[in-house]
Amino acid sequence: MTQNFGINSNSVTPNTVLGDHPPVTKAITIATTGAEAIYTRGTVLGKITASGLYAGLNPLAADGSETAAVVLLDDVTVDDTNDEPAVALVHGVVIADELVWTHDGITEAEQTAALDQLEAAGIYNK
C-alpha cells in the first residue's frame, strides 16, 4: 500500500528549483546578519551550529554555515534585526542550474562540494 504522507500534486507549489521527486520540506529560521538580506528561491543554506539557525552557504565560514544543509523554497527577506521563518527542502531533487549561491566568488569546486553535501543530506541534483 502506497502512502503519500499528505503530499500530492495539489499540495506542492510549482517551483522551478524542484526536480521530479516529491519534496520533503521543513520550517526553518534564517538568521539575521545585522543588515537586510534577500534570499531567493533555490538559495543553498547552511546550519549555524551554535544557534540552529540557517544562513547562506559560506564555504569560508567556521560556524556550520560552511556545510550545505537545505535549499530555500521561497523568496525571503531577513531584516537587520529579526530572524525570519522560511520553508526549506530537506529531501528531494533539485535542478542544480537553478540553485542560488550567496557567497560572492564561490568556486566551481566549492559548488561541487556543496552539491555532494546536499546529496549526503538527502537532496539530490540533476
C-alpha atoms as a PDB file:
ATOM      1  CA  MET A   1       0.000   0.000   0.000  1.00  0.00           C
ATOM      2  CA  THR A   2       1.406   3.372  -1.012  1.00  0.00           C
ATOM      3  CA  GLN A   3       1.394   6.245   1.470  1.00  0.00           C
ATOM      4  CA  ASN A   4       1.598   9.836   0.296  1.00  0.00           C
ATOM      5  CA  PHE A   5       2.171  11.454   3.720  1.00  0.00           C
ATOM      6  CA  GLY A   6      -0.093  14.347   2.727  1.00  0.00           C
ATOM      7  CA  ILE A   7       1.932  15.292  -0.328  1.00  0.00           C
ATOM      8  CA  ASN A   8       0.230  15.301  -3.698  1.00  0.00           C
ATOM      9  CA  SER A   9       0.371  17.395  -6.842  1.00  0.00           C
ATOM     10  CA  ASN A  10      -2.163  19.819  -5.358  1.00  0.00           C
ATOM     11  CA  SER A  11      -0.191  20.448  -2.167  1.00  0.00           C
ATOM     12  CA  VAL A  12       3.168  21.294  -3.737  1.00  0.00           C
ATOM     13  CA  THR A  13       3.701  24.822  -5.021  1.00  0.00           C
ATOM     14  CA  PRO A  14       5.179  24.847  -8.534  1.00  0.00           C
ATOM     15  CA  ASN A  15       8.835  25.640  -8.162  1.00  0.00           C
ATOM     16  CA  THR A  16      11.479  25.709 -10.875  1.00  0.00           C
ATOM     17  CA  VAL A  17      14.113  24.574  -8.367  1.00  0.00           C
ATOM     18  CA  LEU A  18      12.483  21.210  -7.721  1.00  0.00           C
ATOM     19  CA  GLY A  19      13.025  18.069  -9.713  1.00  0.00           C
ATOM     20  CA  ASP A  20      10.568  15.219 -10.198  1.00  0.00           C
ATOM     21  CA  HIS A  21      10.706  13.627  -6.730  1.00  0.00           C
ATOM     22  CA  PRO A  22       8.026  14.628  -4.202  1.00  0.00           C
ATOM     23  CA  PRO A  23       9.676  17.182  -1.894  1.00  0.00           C
ATOM     24  CA  VAL A  24      10.008  16.870   1.861  1.00  0.00           C
ATOM     25  CA  THR A  25      10.098  20.270   3.500  1.00  0.00           C
ATOM     26  CA  LYS A  26      10.543  21.701   6.941  1.00  0.00           C
ATOM     27  CA  ALA A  27      10.081  25.029   8.647  1.00  0.00           C
ATOM     28  CA  ILE A  28      13.394  26.710   9.404  1.00  0.00           C
ATOM     29  CA  THR A  29      14.562  30.088  10.655  1.00  0.00           C
ATOM     30  CA  ILE A  30      17.093  32.192   8.779  1.00  0.00           C
ATOM     31  CA  ALA A  31      19.441  34.206  10.983  1.00  0.00           C
ATOM     32  CA  THR A  32      19.701  37.953  10.617  1.00  0.00           C
ATOM     33  CA  THR A  33      23.103  39.234   9.543  1.00  0.00           C
ATOM     34  CA  GLY A  34      22.665  42.688  11.060  1.00  0.00           C
ATOM     35  CA  ALA A  35      21.772  44.084   7.641  1.00  0.00           C
ATOM     36  CA  GLU A  36      18.806  43.382   5.400  1.00  0.00           C
ATOM     37  CA  ALA A  37      19.399  40.245   3.341  1.00  0.00           C
ATOM     38  CA  ILE A  38      17.286  38.966   0.477  1.00  0.00           C
ATOM     39  CA  TYR A  39      17.334  35.224  -0.166  1.00  0.00           C
ATOM     40  CA  THR A  40      15.698  33.912  -3.320  1.00  0.00           C
ATOM     41  CA  ARG A  41      14.080  30.569  -4.043  1.00  0.00           C
ATOM     42  CA  GLY A  42      16.801  27.985  -4.576  1.00  0.00           C
ATOM     43  CA  THR A  43      19.328  29.512  -2.188  1.00  0.00           C
ATOM     44  CA  VAL A  44      21.611  26.916  -0.638  1.00  0.00           C
ATOM     45  CA  LEU A  45      21.752  27.333   3.137  1.00  0.00           C
ATOM     46  CA  GLY A  46      23.994  26.027   5.885  1.00  0.00           C
ATOM     47  CA  LYS A  47      23.012  25.485   9.515  1.00  0.00           C
ATOM     48  CA  ILE A  48      24.790  27.536  12.171  1.00  0.00           C
ATOM     49  CA  THR A  49      25.871  25.020  14.776  1.00  0.00           C
ATOM     50  CA  ALA A  50      25.623  27.231  17.882  1.00  0.00           C
ATOM     51  CA  SER A  51      22.119  28.589  17.226  1.00  0.00           C
ATOM     52  CA  GLY A  52      20.473  26.029  14.937  1.00  0.00           C
ATOM     53  CA  LEU A  53      19.513  28.897  12.631  1.00  0.00           C
ATOM     54  CA  TYR A  54      20.269  28.885   8.912  1.00  0.00           C
ATOM     55  CA  ALA A  55      22.390  31.231   6.808  1.00  0.00           C
ATOM     56  CA  GLY A  56      23.533  31.452   3.228  1.00  0.00           C
ATOM     57  CA  LEU A  57      26.177  28.853   2.472  1.00  0.00           C
ATOM     58  CA  ASN A  58      29.642  30.288   3.081  1.00  0.00           C
ATOM     59  CA  PRO A  59      32.475  27.846   2.338  1.00  0.00           C
ATOM     60  CA  LEU A  60      34.906  30.107   4.215  1.00  0.00           C
ATOM     61  CA  ALA A  61      32.924  30.147   7.476  1.00  0.00           C
ATOM     62  CA  ALA A  62      33.657  28.054  10.539  1.00  0.00           C
ATOM     63  CA  ASP A  63      30.270  28.226  12.255  1.00  0.00           C
ATOM     64  CA  GLY A  64      28.431  25.412  10.458  1.00  0.00           C
ATOM     65  CA  SER A  65      27.214  27.547   7.559  1.00  0.00           C
ATOM     66  CA  GLU A  66      30.172  26.254   5.525  1.00  0.00           C
ATOM     67  CA  THR A  67      28.294  22.976   5.039  1.00  0.00           C
ATOM     68  CA  ALA A  68      25.297  22.870   2.677  1.00  0.00           C
ATOM     69  CA  ALA A  69      22.246  21.613   4.577  1.00  0.00           C
ATOM     70  CA  VAL A  70      18.974  22.678   2.897  1.00  0.00           C
ATOM     71  CA  VAL A  71      17.586  24.562  -0.109  1.00  0.00           C
ATOM     72  CA  LEU A  72      15.239  27.502   0.363  1.00  0.00           C
ATOM     73  CA  LEU A  73      11.881  27.080  -1.386  1.00  0.00           C
ATOM     74  CA  ASP A  74      10.519  30.637  -1.307  1.00  0.00           C
ATOM     75  CA  ASP A  75      11.890  34.160  -1.506  1.00  0.00           C
ATOM     76  CA  VAL A  76      12.620  35.536   1.974  1.00  0.00           C
ATOM     77  CA  THR A  77      13.746  38.951   3.175  1.00  0.00           C
ATOM     78  CA  VAL A  78      15.515  38.974   6.540  1.00  0.00           C
ATOM     79  CA  ASP A  79      15.647  42.425   8.076  1.00  0.00           C
ATOM     80  CA  ASP A  80      18.545  43.894  10.023  1.00  0.00           C
ATOM     81  CA  THR A  81      17.290  42.891  13.489  1.00  0.00           C
ATOM     82  CA  ASN A  82      14.969  39.875  13.281  1.00  0.00           C
ATOM     83  CA  ASP A  83      15.455  36.261  12.261  1.00  0.00           C
ATOM     84  CA  GLU A  84      12.913  35.166   9.652  1.00  0.00           C
ATOM     85  CA  PRO A  85      10.911  31.928   9.318  1.00  0.00           C
ATOM     86  CA  ALA A  86      11.088  30.098   5.993  1.00  0.00           C
ATOM     87  CA  VAL A  87      10.403  26.752   4.312  1.00  0.00           C
ATOM     88  CA  ALA A  88      13.285  24.625   3.068  1.00  0.00           C
ATOM     89  CA  LEU A  89      13.730  21.409   1.141  1.00  0.00           C
ATOM     90  CA  VAL A  90      15.280  18.676   3.292  1.00  0.00           C
ATOM     91  CA  HIS A  91      14.758  15.726   0.951  1.00  0.00           C
ATOM     92  CA  GLY A  92      14.092  15.574  -2.751  1.00  0.00           C
ATOM     93  CA  VAL A  93      15.579  16.508  -6.093  1.00  0.00           C
ATOM     94  CA  VAL A  94      16.751  19.945  -7.187  1.00  0.00           C
ATOM     95  CA  ILE A  95      17.792  21.264 -10.553  1.00  0.00           C
ATOM     96  CA  ALA A  96      21.429  22.204  -9.967  1.00  0.00           C
ATOM     97  CA  ASP A  97      21.419  25.040 -12.510  1.00  0.00           C
ATOM     98  CA  GLU A  98      18.592  26.745 -10.584  1.00  0.00           C
ATOM     99  CA  LEU A  99      20.420  26.836  -7.234  1.00  0.00           C
ATOM    100  CA  VAL A 100      21.470  30.200  -5.826  1.00  0.00           C
ATOM    101  CA  TRP A 101      24.842  30.714  -4.144  1.00  0.00           C
ATOM    102  CA  THR A 102      25.035  33.645  -1.712  1.00  0.00           C
ATOM    103  CA  HIS A 103      28.796  33.619  -1.223  1.00  0.00           C
ATOM    104  CA  ASP A 104      30.482  36.017  -3.647  1.00  0.00           C
ATOM    105  CA  GLY A 105      33.239  34.282  -5.523  1.00  0.00           C
ATOM    106  CA  ILE A 106      32.154  30.718  -4.748  1.00  0.00           C
ATOM    107  CA  THR A 107      34.256  28.450  -6.921  1.00  0.00           C
ATOM    108  CA  GLU A 108      33.101  25.571  -9.078  1.00  0.00           C
ATOM    109  CA  ALA A 109      34.913  23.187  -6.708  1.00  0.00           C
ATOM    110  CA  GLU A 110      33.071  24.689  -3.716  1.00  0.00           C
ATOM    111  CA  GLN A 111      29.749  24.330  -5.557  1.00  0.00           C
ATOM    112  CA  THR A 112      30.551  20.701  -6.346  1.00  0.00           C
ATOM    113  CA  ALA A 113      31.417  20.086  -2.685  1.00  0.00           C
ATOM    114  CA  ALA A 114      28.138  21.714  -1.632  1.00  0.00           C
ATOM    115  CA  LEU A 115      26.171  19.527  -4.039  1.00  0.00           C
ATOM    116  CA  ASP A 116      27.896  16.483  -2.515  1.00  0.00           C
ATOM    117  CA  GLN A 117      26.965  17.731   0.967  1.00  0.00           C
ATOM    118  CA  LEU A 118      23.328  18.196  -0.079  1.00  0.00           C
ATOM    119  CA  GLU A 119      23.287  14.689  -1.556  1.00  0.00           C
ATOM    120  CA  ALA A 120      24.653  13.271   1.717  1.00  0.00           C
ATOM    121  CA  ALA A 121      21.743  15.044   3.433  1.00  0.00           C
ATOM    122  CA  GLY A 122      19.181  13.545   1.003  1.00  0.00           C
ATOM    123  CA  ILE A 123      18.883  16.384  -1.510  1.00  0.00           C
ATOM    124  CA  TYR A 124      19.833  15.101  -4.929  1.00  0.00           C
ATOM    125  CA  ASN A 125      20.528  17.168  -8.029  1.00  0.00           C
ATOM    126  CA  LYS A 126      20.004  16.741 -11.707  1.00  0.00           C
END
